[in-house]
Amino acid sequence: MWPWKKKDAPTEKEIYRLFEIGVLLKGIEGVLELIGGVSFFFSSADYLNKIVSALTQNELSAEPNDYLTHLTVDWFHHLTAGTIHFVAFFLLVNGIINVTLVYGITRKKMWAYQGAIFILILFVIFQAYRLFYIQSWFLILATVYDAVLAGLISHEYKRISKKKLFAFFKF
């Protein structure tokens, strides 16, 4: 199963620790998506432009040719009300899904493991599709993170399923 030799293979404790860290990060991501979604929902394009201008002013004065900063400012200058509502909706739905699944996983609910694996696989497929059109290091990292987390959740799901099965047949 693992690409390394048996003596170098991670222990169950190490795998579980990675699982915990991954789920924690996914929970933090979900909360930030909820905050971002609510913020976008109640914001206008003008207000968002003012915030971005204020946040990038120092960077642009220090590095006037900063590509990423110019890209960010340009993106916010072309925001429409429809785009803002789409982003708000997308972030809210993503945040609700992530927080719900993380809550279920922390409570050892089997539906949450299955749901998380399914959703993460969908994210990986969608993100891989997007990589054909947008070459982004952030998107590559997000895709790898979601794929690894899906594997860790799958591993934990199998481990818990075995425990529950043996507990069921215990006399």
Protein backbone atom coordinates (compact mmCIF):
# COMPACT_ATOMS: atom_id res chain seq x y z
CA MET A 1 0.00 0.00 0.00
CA TRP A 2 2.76 2.47 0.88
CA PRO A 3 5.58 3.17 -1.59
CA TRP A 4 8.34 2.81 1.00
CA LYS A 5 9.91 -0.21 2.63
CA LYS A 6 8.25 -1.83 5.61
CA LYS A 7 10.87 -0.55 8.09
CA ASP A 8 10.36 3.02 6.83
CA ALA A 9 6.56 2.81 6.79
CA PRO A 10 4.75 5.23 9.08
CA THR A 11 3.12 3.79 12.17
CA GLU A 12 -0.62 3.88 12.72
CA LYS A 13 -0.01 6.57 15.32
CA GLU A 14 1.82 8.76 12.77
CA ILE A 15 -0.90 8.22 10.16
CA TYR A 16 -3.58 9.06 12.71
CA ARG A 17 -1.70 12.24 13.66
CA LEU A 18 -1.59 13.30 10.00
CA PHE A 19 -5.32 12.52 9.79
CA GLU A 20 -6.02 14.72 12.82
CA ILE A 21 -3.95 17.61 11.43
CA GLY A 22 -5.63 17.30 8.01
CA VAL A 23 -9.12 17.30 9.52
CA LEU A 24 -8.23 20.25 11.76
CA LEU A 25 -6.97 22.23 8.77
CA LYS A 26 -10.12 21.35 6.80
CA GLY A 27 -12.21 22.59 9.75
CA ILE A 28 -10.28 25.86 9.88
CA GLU A 29 -10.72 26.18 6.11
CA GLY A 30 -14.47 25.64 6.52
CA VAL A 31 -14.77 28.32 9.21
CA LEU A 32 -12.76 30.78 7.10
CA GLU A 33 -14.99 30.00 4.11
CA LEU A 34 -18.07 30.72 6.22
CA ILE A 35 -16.60 34.03 7.40
CA GLY A 36 -15.57 34.92 3.85
CA GLY A 37 -18.96 33.95 2.44
CA VAL A 38 -20.86 36.07 4.95
CA SER A 39 -18.41 38.95 4.37
CA PHE A 40 -18.84 38.78 0.60
CA PHE A 41 -22.63 38.47 0.92
CA PHE A 42 -22.88 41.75 2.83
CA SER A 43 -20.24 43.64 0.81
CA SER A 44 -20.49 45.81 -2.27
CA ALA A 45 -17.96 45.95 -5.10
CA ASP A 46 -16.97 49.50 -4.07
CA TYR A 47 -16.35 48.47 -0.47
CA LEU A 48 -14.25 45.46 -1.51
CA ASN A 49 -12.24 47.66 -3.90
CA LYS A 50 -11.49 50.11 -1.08
CA ILE A 51 -10.32 47.28 1.19
CA VAL A 52 -8.10 45.74 -1.50
CA SER A 53 -6.67 49.13 -2.42
CA ALA A 54 -5.86 49.87 1.22
CA LEU A 55 -4.29 46.43 1.73
CA THR A 56 -2.17 46.53 -1.44
CA GLN A 57 -1.14 50.20 -1.40
CA ASN A 58 2.09 49.61 0.56
CA GLU A 59 3.01 46.58 -1.52
CA LEU A 60 2.52 48.44 -4.78
CA SER A 61 4.53 51.44 -3.56
CA ALA A 62 7.39 49.11 -2.55
CA GLU A 63 7.14 46.90 -5.65
CA PRO A 64 5.22 48.67 -8.43
CA ASN A 65 5.62 45.70 -10.81
CA ASP A 66 4.33 43.02 -8.43
CA TYR A 67 2.33 40.75 -10.76
CA LEU A 68 0.25 39.00 -8.08
CA THR A 69 -0.76 42.26 -6.40
CA HIS A 70 -1.74 43.82 -9.73
CA LEU A 71 -3.70 40.69 -10.62
CA THR A 72 -5.57 40.86 -7.30
CA VAL A 73 -6.37 44.57 -7.65
CA ASP A 74 -7.48 44.06 -11.26
CA TRP A 75 -9.72 41.13 -10.30
CA PHE A 76 -11.43 43.16 -7.58
CA HIS A 77 -11.89 46.15 -9.91
CA HIS A 78 -13.87 43.96 -12.31
CA LEU A 79 -16.20 42.51 -9.69
CA THR A 80 -19.91 42.67 -10.37
CA ALA A 81 -22.77 42.15 -7.93
CA GLY A 82 -23.45 38.78 -9.57
CA THR A 83 -19.85 37.67 -9.11
CA ILE A 84 -19.87 38.77 -5.48
CA HIS A 85 -23.07 36.81 -4.79
CA PHE A 86 -21.68 33.74 -6.59
CA VAL A 87 -18.46 33.87 -4.54
CA ALA A 88 -20.50 34.37 -1.34
CA PHE A 89 -22.75 31.41 -2.18
CA PHE A 90 -19.78 29.21 -3.18
CA LEU A 91 -17.88 30.00 0.03
CA LEU A 92 -20.94 29.52 2.24
CA VAL A 93 -21.84 26.15 0.70
CA ASN A 94 -18.21 24.97 0.82
CA GLY A 95 -17.87 26.17 4.42
CA ILE A 96 -21.10 24.49 5.54
CA ILE A 97 -20.08 21.21 3.89
CA ASN A 98 -16.55 21.29 5.38
CA VAL A 99 -17.66 22.24 8.89
CA THR A 100 -20.46 19.63 8.87
CA LEU A 101 -18.14 16.86 7.69
CA VAL A 102 -15.39 17.81 10.14
CA TYR A 103 -17.95 17.91 12.97
CA GLY A 104 -19.18 14.44 11.98
CA ILE A 105 -15.65 13.05 11.70
CA THR A 106 -14.70 14.39 15.12
CA ARG A 107 -17.80 12.61 16.48
CA LYS A 108 -16.78 9.37 14.64
CA LYS A 109 -19.97 9.37 12.54
CA MET A 110 -19.54 6.92 9.68
CA TRP A 111 -21.65 9.02 7.25
CA ALA A 112 -19.18 11.88 7.68
CA TYR A 113 -16.22 9.74 6.62
CA GLN A 114 -18.05 8.53 3.53
CA GLY A 115 -19.32 12.02 2.72
CA ALA A 116 -15.88 13.58 3.18
CA ILE A 117 -14.23 11.02 0.92
CA PHE A 118 -16.89 11.56 -1.75
CA ILE A 119 -16.74 15.39 -1.55
CA LEU A 120 -12.94 15.45 -1.52
CA ILE A 121 -12.79 13.19 -4.58
CA LEU A 122 -15.22 15.55 -6.34
CA PHE A 123 -13.01 18.51 -5.35
CA VAL A 124 -9.92 16.71 -6.66
CA ILE A 125 -11.61 15.94 -9.99
CA PHE A 126 -12.88 19.51 -10.35
CA GLN A 127 -9.53 21.01 -9.36
CA ALA A 128 -7.65 18.70 -11.74
CA TYR A 129 -10.03 19.79 -14.52
CA ARG A 130 -9.39 23.46 -13.63
CA LEU A 131 -5.63 22.85 -13.80
CA PHE A 132 -5.99 22.34 -17.57
CA TYR A 133 -7.17 25.95 -17.83
CA ILE A 134 -5.45 27.67 -14.90
CA GLN A 135 -1.88 26.75 -14.06
CA SER A 136 -1.70 27.72 -10.40
CA TRP A 137 0.64 26.50 -7.67
CA PHE A 138 -2.10 27.19 -5.13
CA LEU A 139 -4.55 24.99 -7.06
CA ILE A 140 -1.92 22.23 -7.35
CA LEU A 141 -1.30 22.36 -3.59
CA ALA A 142 -5.05 22.38 -2.84
CA THR A 143 -5.55 19.38 -5.12
CA VAL A 144 -2.70 17.40 -3.56
CA TYR A 145 -3.91 18.35 -0.05
CA ASP A 146 -7.48 17.20 -0.80
CA ALA A 147 -6.24 13.95 -2.40
CA VAL A 148 -3.97 13.14 0.56
CA LEU A 149 -6.73 14.03 3.04
CA ALA A 150 -9.18 11.77 1.16
CA GLY A 151 -6.62 8.95 1.49
CA LEU A 152 -6.11 9.60 5.20
CA ILE A 153 -9.86 9.75 5.85
CA SER A 154 -10.31 6.53 3.87
CA HIS A 155 -7.58 4.85 5.93
CA GLU A 156 -9.20 5.99 9.18
CA TYR A 157 -12.64 4.92 7.95
CA LYS A 158 -11.33 1.40 7.26
CA ARG A 159 -9.64 1.28 10.67
CA ILE A 160 -12.80 2.35 12.50
CA SER A 161 -15.00 0.02 10.43
CA LYS A 162 -12.85 -2.94 11.47
CA LYS A 163 -13.07 -1.96 15.13
CA LYS A 164 -16.86 -1.63 14.94
CA LEU A 165 -17.18 -4.94 13.09
CA PHE A 166 -15.07 -6.77 15.68
CA ALA A 167 -16.96 -5.07 18.52
CA PHE A 168 -20.25 -6.22 16.97
CA PHE A 169 -19.16 -9.88 16.87
CA LYS A 170 -17.59 -9.81 20.32
CA PHE A 171 -19.49 -12.05 22.74
